Protein backbone atom coordinates (compact mmCIF):
# COMPACT_ATOMS: atom_id res chain seq x y z
CA MET A 1 -68.05 -26.68 -83.91
CA PRO A 2 -65.52 -23.87 -83.91
CA LYS A 3 -61.84 -24.26 -84.60
CA ILE A 4 -59.87 -22.96 -81.68
CA ALA A 5 -56.04 -22.51 -82.16
CA MET A 6 -53.75 -22.15 -78.99
CA ILE A 7 -50.55 -20.55 -79.83
CA GLY A 8 -47.88 -21.09 -77.45
CA ALA A 9 -49.70 -24.33 -76.33
CA GLY A 10 -46.39 -25.83 -74.79
CA SER A 11 -47.56 -23.91 -71.74
CA THR A 12 -49.04 -27.19 -70.72
CA VAL A 13 -50.54 -26.42 -67.38
CA PHE A 14 -52.35 -23.41 -68.59
CA ALA A 15 -53.47 -25.03 -71.69
CA LYS A 16 -54.93 -27.85 -69.74
CA ASN A 17 -56.66 -25.45 -67.81
CA LEU A 18 -58.33 -23.57 -70.75
CA LEU A 19 -58.98 -26.62 -72.43
CA GLY A 20 -60.81 -27.97 -69.41
CA ASP A 21 -62.96 -24.93 -69.54
CA ILE A 22 -63.78 -24.99 -73.29
CA LEU A 23 -64.42 -28.71 -73.56
CA GLY A 24 -66.72 -28.62 -70.35
CA PHE A 25 -69.26 -26.88 -72.17
CA PRO A 26 -71.32 -29.35 -74.20
CA GLU A 27 -71.84 -26.90 -77.10
CA LEU A 28 -67.81 -26.89 -77.35
CA ALA A 29 -67.28 -30.57 -76.69
CA ASP A 30 -66.56 -31.51 -80.30
CA SER A 31 -64.35 -28.54 -81.22
CA ASP A 32 -61.43 -28.56 -83.22
CA ILE A 33 -58.27 -27.81 -81.34
CA ALA A 34 -55.37 -26.84 -82.95
CA LEU A 35 -52.12 -26.87 -80.68
CA MET A 36 -49.15 -24.99 -81.81
CA ASP A 37 -45.51 -24.48 -80.30
CA ILE A 38 -42.00 -24.06 -81.47
CA ASP A 39 -40.98 -26.58 -78.63
CA ALA A 40 -42.03 -29.77 -80.17
CA GLU A 41 -41.28 -31.84 -76.85
CA ARG A 42 -43.57 -29.71 -75.01
CA LEU A 43 -46.30 -29.66 -77.54
CA ARG A 44 -46.29 -33.43 -77.66
CA THR A 45 -47.11 -33.51 -73.88
CA SER A 46 -49.82 -30.83 -74.50
CA GLU A 47 -51.28 -33.01 -77.10
CA ILE A 48 -51.63 -36.14 -74.67
CA VAL A 49 -52.81 -33.62 -72.21
CA ALA A 50 -55.60 -32.29 -74.44
CA ARG A 51 -56.83 -35.80 -75.50
CA LYS A 52 -56.91 -36.76 -71.65
CA VAL A 53 -59.01 -33.58 -70.79
CA GLY A 54 -61.41 -34.40 -73.43
CA ALA A 55 -61.87 -37.82 -71.89
CA ALA A 56 -62.03 -36.56 -68.34
CA VAL A 57 -65.11 -34.26 -69.23
CA GLY A 58 -66.78 -36.61 -71.81
CA ALA A 59 -65.90 -34.52 -74.79
CA SER A 60 -64.91 -35.76 -78.33
CA PRO A 61 -62.55 -33.01 -79.70
CA THR A 62 -60.40 -33.19 -82.52
CA VAL A 63 -56.91 -32.52 -81.55
CA THR A 64 -54.08 -31.72 -83.78
CA ALA A 65 -50.52 -30.47 -83.07
CA TYR A 66 -48.56 -28.10 -85.17
CA THR A 67 -45.05 -26.56 -85.03
CA ASP A 68 -46.08 -24.38 -88.09
CA ARG A 69 -47.99 -21.52 -86.81
CA ARG A 70 -49.67 -20.61 -90.14
CA ALA A 71 -50.98 -24.16 -90.47
CA ALA A 72 -52.47 -24.22 -87.05
CA LEU A 73 -54.37 -20.94 -87.89
CA GLU A 74 -55.82 -22.01 -91.10
CA GLY A 75 -59.42 -21.40 -90.70
CA ALA A 76 -59.44 -20.81 -87.12
CA ASP A 77 -62.54 -18.98 -85.35
CA TYR A 78 -60.78 -18.36 -82.10
CA VAL A 79 -57.06 -17.91 -81.29
CA LEU A 80 -55.61 -17.98 -77.87
CA ASN A 81 -52.33 -16.58 -77.68
CA MET A 82 -49.98 -17.45 -74.65
CA VAL A 83 -46.47 -17.04 -75.87
CA GLN A 84 -43.29 -16.18 -74.02
CA VAL A 85 -40.71 -15.18 -76.37
CA GLY A 86 -37.17 -16.02 -75.11
CA GLY A 87 -38.49 -17.98 -72.29
CA TYR A 88 -36.97 -18.27 -68.89
CA GLU A 89 -33.72 -18.86 -70.54
CA PRO A 90 -32.15 -16.78 -71.82
CA SER A 91 -34.58 -13.77 -71.65
CA THR A 92 -36.11 -13.84 -68.27
CA VAL A 93 -32.80 -14.19 -66.81
CA ILE A 94 -31.19 -11.39 -68.71
CA ASP A 95 -34.24 -9.05 -67.80
CA PHE A 96 -33.54 -9.47 -63.89
CA GLU A 97 -29.71 -10.01 -63.91
CA ILE A 98 -28.66 -7.10 -66.32
CA PRO A 99 -30.61 -4.27 -64.18
CA LYS A 100 -29.35 -5.89 -61.12
CA LYS A 101 -25.95 -4.80 -61.92
CA TYR A 102 -26.91 -1.22 -62.17
CA GLY A 103 -28.70 -1.42 -58.83
CA LEU A 104 -32.12 -1.91 -60.06
CA ARG A 105 -34.15 -4.79 -58.51
CA GLN A 106 -37.52 -6.12 -59.78
CA THR A 107 -40.22 -8.39 -58.64
CA ILE A 108 -41.82 -9.80 -61.59
CA ALA A 109 -40.65 -7.61 -64.39
CA ASP A 110 -43.30 -8.72 -67.16
CA THR A 111 -45.79 -5.87 -67.41
CA LEU A 112 -43.92 -2.40 -66.85
CA GLY A 113 -40.32 -1.34 -65.80
CA ILE A 114 -37.43 -2.35 -68.01
CA GLY A 115 -38.38 -5.99 -67.78
CA GLY A 116 -41.67 -5.25 -69.20
CA ILE A 117 -40.14 -2.95 -71.74
CA MET A 118 -37.84 -5.77 -73.11
CA ARG A 119 -40.47 -8.50 -73.02
CA ALA A 120 -42.65 -6.17 -75.02
CA LEU A 121 -39.82 -5.50 -77.69
CA ARG A 122 -39.40 -9.42 -78.04
CA THR A 123 -43.24 -10.17 -78.25
CA ILE A 124 -44.71 -7.50 -80.29
CA PRO A 125 -43.10 -8.56 -83.50
CA VAL A 126 -44.02 -12.21 -83.01
CA LEU A 127 -47.70 -11.31 -82.19
CA LEU A 128 -48.11 -9.06 -84.85
CA GLY A 129 -46.52 -12.10 -87.08
CA THR A 130 -49.44 -14.08 -85.80
CA CYS A 131 -51.88 -11.25 -86.67
CA LYS A 132 -50.63 -11.21 -89.93
CA ASP A 133 -51.08 -14.72 -90.68
CA MET A 134 -54.58 -14.54 -89.20
CA GLU A 135 -55.12 -11.85 -91.60
CA GLU A 136 -54.26 -13.94 -94.47
CA VAL A 137 -55.81 -17.47 -93.45
CA CYS A 138 -58.72 -16.63 -90.69
CA PRO A 139 -59.32 -12.84 -90.87
CA GLY A 140 -62.79 -13.19 -89.19
CA ALA A 141 -61.13 -14.83 -86.16
CA GLN A 142 -61.20 -13.48 -82.56
CA MET A 143 -57.64 -13.07 -81.00
CA ILE A 144 -57.65 -13.58 -77.19
CA ASN A 145 -54.45 -12.68 -75.76
CA TYR A 146 -53.16 -14.12 -72.58
CA SER A 147 -49.59 -12.82 -72.86
CA ASN A 148 -47.68 -10.06 -71.10
CA PRO A 149 -47.16 -7.30 -71.01
CA MET A 150 -50.88 -7.30 -71.81
CA ALA A 151 -51.50 -3.59 -72.19
CA MET A 152 -48.54 -2.96 -74.50
CA LEU A 153 -49.30 -6.27 -76.80
CA CYS A 154 -52.88 -5.22 -77.09
CA TRP A 155 -52.10 -1.56 -77.93
CA ALA A 156 -49.60 -2.79 -80.57
CA MET A 157 -52.27 -5.30 -82.16
CA ASN A 158 -54.80 -2.47 -82.45
CA ALA A 159 -52.14 -0.20 -83.85
CA GLY A 160 -50.62 -2.71 -86.36
CA SER A 161 -53.30 -5.16 -87.41
CA SER A 162 -56.94 -5.33 -88.40
CA ILE A 163 -57.47 -8.51 -86.39
CA ARG A 164 -60.10 -7.98 -83.63
CA ASN A 165 -58.65 -8.66 -80.21
CA VAL A 166 -59.19 -8.59 -76.54
CA GLY A 167 -56.70 -9.17 -73.73
CA LEU A 168 -57.49 -11.15 -70.81
CA CYS A 169 -56.14 -11.29 -67.23
CA HIS A 170 -57.54 -12.94 -64.09
CA SER A 171 -56.43 -10.07 -61.73
CA VAL A 172 -59.96 -8.62 -61.72
CA GLN A 173 -62.04 -11.55 -60.60
CA GLY A 174 -58.98 -12.99 -58.55
CA THR A 175 -58.57 -9.65 -56.56
CA ALA A 176 -62.35 -9.58 -55.83
CA TRP A 177 -62.11 -13.02 -54.47
CA GLU A 178 -59.21 -12.21 -52.18
CA LEU A 179 -61.17 -9.14 -50.83
CA SER A 180 -64.07 -11.13 -50.26
CA ARG A 181 -62.01 -13.42 -47.99
CA ASP A 182 -60.39 -10.61 -46.37
CA ILE A 183 -63.57 -8.94 -45.27
CA GLY A 184 -65.71 -12.22 -44.65
CA VAL A 185 -68.30 -11.63 -47.38
CA PRO A 186 -68.93 -14.64 -49.67
CA PHE A 187 -67.75 -13.86 -53.05
CA GLU A 188 -71.08 -14.92 -54.64
CA GLU A 189 -72.74 -12.00 -52.92
CA ILE A 190 -70.46 -9.21 -54.04
CA SER A 191 -70.86 -7.06 -57.16
CA TYR A 192 -68.37 -4.64 -58.58
CA LEU A 193 -67.31 -2.15 -61.16
CA CYS A 194 -63.89 -1.99 -62.08
CA ALA A 195 -62.05 -0.11 -64.72
CA GLY A 196 -58.31 1.27 -65.66
CA ILE A 197 -55.50 -0.31 -67.44
CA ASN A 198 -54.30 -3.85 -67.10
CA HIS A 199 -52.83 -4.53 -63.36
CA MET A 200 -53.70 -0.93 -62.64
CA ALA A 201 -57.53 -0.96 -62.80
CA PHE A 202 -59.44 0.13 -59.58
CA TYR A 203 -62.77 -0.96 -57.88
CA LEU A 204 -64.81 2.07 -58.43
CA LYS A 205 -67.55 0.12 -56.62
CA PHE A 206 -67.40 -2.75 -54.40
CA GLU A 207 -70.83 -3.71 -53.02
CA ARG A 208 -73.23 -6.29 -51.51
CA ASN A 209 -76.87 -5.65 -52.40
CA GLY A 210 -76.18 -1.95 -52.83
CA GLU A 211 -74.09 -1.65 -49.52
CA ASP A 212 -70.45 -0.03 -50.05
CA LEU A 213 -67.89 -2.68 -48.79
CA TYR A 214 -65.09 -0.12 -48.57
CA PRO A 215 -65.81 0.57 -45.04
CA LEU A 216 -65.11 -3.30 -44.55
CA ILE A 217 -61.97 -3.09 -46.73
CA ARG A 218 -60.37 -0.06 -44.42
CA LYS A 219 -61.57 -2.19 -41.28
CA VAL A 220 -58.99 -4.94 -42.40
CA VAL A 221 -56.25 -2.25 -41.96
CA ASP A 222 -57.74 -0.65 -38.76
CA GLU A 223 -57.84 -4.02 -37.20
CA GLY A 224 -54.15 -5.09 -38.22
CA ARG A 225 -55.34 -7.88 -40.49
CA VAL A 226 -53.50 -6.72 -43.95
CA PRO A 227 -52.06 -10.15 -45.29
CA GLY A 228 -48.38 -9.91 -45.14
CA HIS A 229 -48.18 -10.39 -49.00
CA ASN A 230 -50.57 -7.58 -49.73
CA ARG A 231 -49.13 -4.55 -47.82
CA VAL A 232 -48.46 -2.61 -50.79
CA ARG A 233 -52.18 -2.61 -52.35
CA TYR A 234 -53.61 -1.93 -48.93
CA GLU A 235 -51.27 1.02 -48.53
CA MET A 236 -52.15 2.43 -51.89
CA MET A 237 -55.60 2.07 -51.12
CA LEU A 238 -55.34 4.25 -48.16
CA ARG A 239 -53.71 6.99 -50.28
CA LEU A 240 -55.75 6.70 -53.37
CA GLY A 241 -59.07 5.88 -51.98
CA TYR A 242 -59.69 2.80 -54.14
CA PHE A 243 -58.30 -0.72 -54.32
CA VAL A 244 -56.28 -1.98 -57.15
CA THR A 245 -56.57 -5.17 -59.02
CA GLU A 246 -52.98 -6.64 -59.61
CA SER A 247 -50.83 -8.11 -56.86
CA SER A 248 -48.62 -6.27 -54.32
CA GLU A 249 -45.70 -7.84 -55.75
CA HIS A 250 -46.62 -6.47 -59.37
CA PHE A 251 -47.79 -3.06 -58.15
CA SER A 252 -44.52 -2.31 -56.16
CA GLU A 253 -42.62 -2.26 -59.42
CA TYR A 254 -45.44 0.15 -61.19
CA CYS A 255 -44.58 3.40 -59.11
CA PRO A 256 -41.46 4.69 -57.25
CA TYR A 257 -42.39 4.27 -53.68
CA PHE A 258 -41.53 0.77 -52.38
CA ILE A 259 -38.32 -0.63 -54.16
CA ARG A 260 -35.59 1.85 -53.38
CA ARG A 261 -31.80 0.79 -52.90
CA ASP A 262 -31.32 3.56 -50.61
CA ARG A 263 -34.34 2.44 -48.47
CA PRO A 264 -34.17 -1.21 -47.67
CA ASP A 265 -36.55 -0.58 -44.66
CA LEU A 266 -39.21 0.11 -47.25
CA ILE A 267 -38.69 -3.35 -48.82
CA GLU A 268 -38.95 -4.88 -45.57
CA ARG A 269 -41.92 -2.76 -44.31
CA PHE A 270 -43.87 -3.79 -47.41
CA ASN A 271 -42.78 -7.27 -47.60
CA VAL A 272 -41.70 -6.90 -51.44
CA PRO A 273 -40.50 -9.93 -52.96
CA LEU A 274 -37.52 -9.00 -54.92
CA ASP A 275 -36.77 -11.76 -57.85
CA GLU A 276 -39.98 -13.19 -57.13
CA TYR A 277 -40.59 -14.29 -60.66
CA ILE A 278 -37.15 -15.92 -60.97
CA ARG A 279 -38.22 -18.08 -58.10
CA ARG A 280 -41.50 -19.06 -59.53
CA CYS A 281 -39.63 -20.15 -62.74
CA ILE A 282 -37.13 -22.20 -61.12
CA ASP A 283 -39.86 -24.04 -59.05
CA GLN A 284 -41.70 -24.61 -62.09
CA ILE A 285 -38.82 -26.10 -64.13
CA SER A 286 -37.65 -28.30 -61.20
CA GLY A 287 -41.22 -29.66 -61.00
CA TRP A 288 -41.70 -30.06 -64.76
CA LYS A 289 -40.20 -33.54 -65.37
CA ALA A 290 -42.45 -35.03 -62.35
CA MET A 291 -45.45 -33.13 -63.74
CA ARG A 292 -44.77 -34.23 -67.27
CA SER A 293 -44.51 -37.86 -66.09
CA THR A 294 -47.87 -37.69 -64.29
CA PHE A 295 -49.56 -35.99 -67.60
CA GLU A 296 -48.07 -38.66 -70.02
CA GLY A 297 -48.88 -41.43 -67.62
CA ASP A 298 -51.63 -43.78 -67.61
CA ALA A 299 -53.56 -41.98 -64.77
CA PRO A 300 -56.72 -39.82 -65.82
CA ILE A 301 -56.42 -36.02 -65.37
CA GLU A 302 -58.69 -34.21 -62.85
CA VAL A 303 -60.46 -31.08 -64.35
CA HIS A 304 -61.83 -28.32 -62.61
CA ARG A 305 -63.41 -25.11 -63.96
CA SER A 306 -61.08 -22.11 -63.67
CA ALA A 307 -61.82 -18.52 -63.25
CA GLU A 308 -60.31 -17.66 -66.71
CA TYR A 309 -62.57 -15.69 -69.08
CA GLY A 310 -61.61 -17.18 -72.41
CA SER A 311 -63.96 -20.31 -72.58
CA LEU A 312 -66.77 -17.95 -71.53
CA ILE A 313 -65.98 -15.67 -74.35
CA ILE A 314 -66.10 -18.54 -76.98
CA HIS A 315 -69.09 -19.93 -75.45
CA SER A 316 -71.23 -16.82 -75.59
CA MET A 317 -70.10 -15.77 -79.01
CA GLU A 318 -71.03 -19.35 -80.22
CA THR A 319 -74.33 -19.54 -78.33
CA GLY A 320 -75.54 -16.12 -77.83
CA GLN A 321 -75.67 -16.64 -74.03
CA PRO A 322 -74.94 -13.09 -72.80
CA ARG A 323 -72.22 -12.65 -70.11
CA VAL A 324 -69.99 -9.73 -68.66
CA ILE A 325 -66.25 -10.40 -68.53
CA TYR A 326 -63.55 -7.76 -68.10
CA GLY A 327 -61.44 -7.46 -71.08
CA ASN A 328 -58.39 -5.30 -72.38
CA VAL A 329 -59.64 -3.12 -75.48
CA ARG A 330 -58.67 -0.14 -77.19
CA ASN A 331 -59.74 2.93 -75.20
CA GLY A 332 -61.38 5.17 -77.89
CA SER A 333 -63.89 7.32 -75.31
CA LEU A 334 -64.37 4.58 -73.11
CA ILE A 335 -62.41 6.14 -70.28
CA GLY A 336 -62.05 9.88 -70.23
CA GLY A 337 -58.73 11.60 -69.57
CA LEU A 338 -56.63 8.66 -71.09
CA PRO A 339 -55.23 8.56 -74.56
CA SER A 340 -57.88 7.14 -77.06
CA ASP A 341 -55.35 4.67 -78.41
CA CYS A 342 -54.11 3.09 -75.24
CA SER A 343 -55.46 -0.16 -73.94
CA VAL A 344 -57.80 -0.04 -71.25
CA GLU A 345 -59.50 -2.86 -68.92
CA VAL A 346 -63.21 -2.26 -68.81
CA PRO A 347 -66.27 -4.58 -68.37
CA CYS A 348 -67.55 -5.92 -71.61
CA LEU A 349 -70.70 -7.63 -72.57
CA VAL A 350 -70.12 -10.72 -74.70
CA ASP A 351 -72.76 -12.57 -77.27
CA ARG A 352 -73.05 -13.44 -80.47
CA ASN A 353 -72.36 -9.82 -81.47
CA GLY A 354 -68.73 -10.24 -80.17
CA ILE A 355 -67.28 -8.37 -77.22
CA GLN A 356 -68.83 -5.00 -76.64
CA PRO A 357 -67.01 -2.72 -74.06
CA THR A 358 -68.80 -0.61 -71.67
CA PRO A 359 -68.22 3.14 -71.45
CA ILE A 360 -67.03 4.15 -68.00
CA GLY A 361 -66.72 7.99 -68.20
CA THR A 362 -63.94 9.86 -66.33
CA LEU A 363 -62.30 8.27 -63.55
CA PRO A 364 -61.23 10.09 -60.23
CA PRO A 365 -58.32 12.23 -61.16
CA GLN A 366 -55.73 10.35 -59.02
CA LEU A 367 -56.33 7.22 -60.64
CA ALA A 368 -56.12 8.68 -64.12
CA ALA A 369 -52.94 10.27 -62.99
CA ILE A 370 -51.29 7.32 -61.76
CA MET A 371 -52.25 5.30 -64.90
CA ARG A 372 -50.89 7.75 -67.13
CA THR A 373 -47.49 7.46 -65.46
CA ASN A 374 -47.57 3.64 -66.88
CA ILE A 375 -49.33 4.36 -70.00
CA ASN A 376 -46.40 6.92 -71.05
CA VAL A 377 -44.14 3.95 -70.80
CA GLN A 378 -46.29 1.80 -72.73
CA SER A 379 -46.91 4.24 -75.52
CA LEU A 380 -42.99 4.75 -76.03
CA THR A 381 -42.37 0.94 -75.95
CA VAL A 382 -45.06 0.33 -78.48
CA ALA A 383 -43.61 3.07 -80.61
CA ALA A 384 -40.14 1.53 -80.42
CA ALA A 385 -41.52 -1.68 -81.54
CA LEU A 386 -43.72 -0.28 -84.41
CA THR A 387 -41.13 2.20 -85.74
CA GLY A 388 -37.92 0.53 -85.01
CA LYS A 389 -36.42 3.73 -83.53
CA LYS A 390 -34.20 2.69 -80.40
CA GLU A 391 -34.48 6.11 -78.90
CA HIS A 392 -37.91 5.39 -77.76
CA VAL A 393 -36.61 2.48 -75.87
CA TYR A 394 -34.29 4.94 -73.98
CA HIS A 395 -37.44 7.31 -73.57
CA ALA A 396 -39.80 4.33 -72.13
CA ALA A 397 -37.12 3.53 -69.49
CA MET A 398 -36.43 7.27 -68.64
CA LEU A 399 -40.12 7.72 -68.00
CA ASP A 400 -40.63 4.35 -66.23
CA PRO A 401 -41.64 5.43 -62.61
CA HIS A 402 -39.54 2.67 -60.99
CA THR A 403 -36.47 3.02 -63.43
CA ALA A 404 -36.48 6.63 -63.10
CA ALA A 405 -36.38 6.62 -59.21
CA GLU A 406 -33.36 4.55 -59.10
CA LEU A 407 -30.95 5.34 -61.91
CA THR A 408 -29.30 8.25 -63.62
CA LEU A 409 -29.92 9.04 -67.42
CA ASP A 410 -26.48 7.73 -68.23
CA GLU A 411 -27.15 4.45 -66.36
CA ILE A 412 -30.44 3.97 -67.97
CA THR A 413 -28.90 4.43 -71.22
CA ALA A 414 -25.99 2.18 -70.61
CA MET A 415 -28.49 -0.45 -69.17
CA VAL A 416 -30.86 -0.39 -72.11
CA ASP A 417 -27.79 -0.80 -74.50
CA GLU A 418 -26.34 -3.73 -72.57
CA LEU A 419 -30.12 -5.44 -72.41
CA ILE A 420 -30.69 -5.02 -76.18
CA GLU A 421 -27.12 -6.51 -77.01
CA ALA A 422 -27.67 -9.40 -74.61
CA HIS A 423 -30.98 -10.17 -76.30
CA GLY A 424 -29.74 -10.59 -79.70
CA SER A 425 -31.82 -11.73 -82.11
CA TYR A 426 -34.99 -12.09 -79.96
CA ILE A 427 -35.26 -8.23 -80.43
CA PRO A 428 -35.41 -7.17 -84.04
CA PRO A 429 -32.91 -4.45 -85.12
CA LEU A 430 -33.45 -1.18 -83.71
CA THR A 431 -31.49 2.12 -85.14
């Protein structure tokens, strides 16, 4: 049975879902599960949950908890990374509150924008440290990354490590399910081809039995049935001709069109939820004690298979059963018109041979162009993290579409300096 190490396993709810998926396969039921987190208290809860998940699905895993990352990685076959460096406090609060002083409002702040830049600067060194440990104690292991900012982290791993890796996000399959509901076509009857970068991939095909379903998607707009939470994405579909994978609250901060301090009417018109991630974090924290009590109590845990790809990758690599998943991998020449070293999200075949990405070819020019505005920021942020040059942090913020639409160059420089100082030791020294 494989050894599966989960780094950041104190994310108990997410770990529970992944473990339910993994242990639900009979071929993986006796896996060696290594849970690792720096928070010993949360780790203890996750260990209890892991054992209860095993019991719920009739599995008999070996479950071991570690606060030492290297020990957890020793001999691993698969490594699932789900860390959030700096957590809600202090780091997430800093990423929202300091930009707000300069008039820069955000919704999620974990993928692009100044919040995404800062999260990458905190996370890339930690993730590369994990990869260095893997090179020494489990060099053949498959890294499966779930942390954001996905594209920047995968780019950095490909540039700074020899460990094979893939980044996973649920936005492709999640959005396809949302669209199936909007157009009234059962999800099981839909087939699609999607490609791009993480959180900015587009459905190049969306079909049922060869029938193009885009007319039904446009009909949602024509009939005034656009869900209130999804106005941004439907608007961009009308402008670009294709539907994007990540949510409207995310996408609104990847471009300069929707969050404008001088245009509150746009925020209202497109129903942009400012400070959305802060609210989510507060809700999760307030409910944690009750949730923890339930997890650690005597009642059994209910387990339902999730839509995450992680367990499918492990099962296919172990058994040879072929599957297609959507993964974030190094571009090379998979998508024409995008930099070869950037991270792209494309369909991948998975079997005993590992993860095999599908070449896509050239995208519609407007899609490649809007992706490049985000790739510019990713490239400079990764350069800052790998070289330690502070100037590249300024450059990344200067070229970020949302930041550049709101702030002057002097404001951007001052904000970056204040953010780096506030994060302290969470961001390695920059010169």
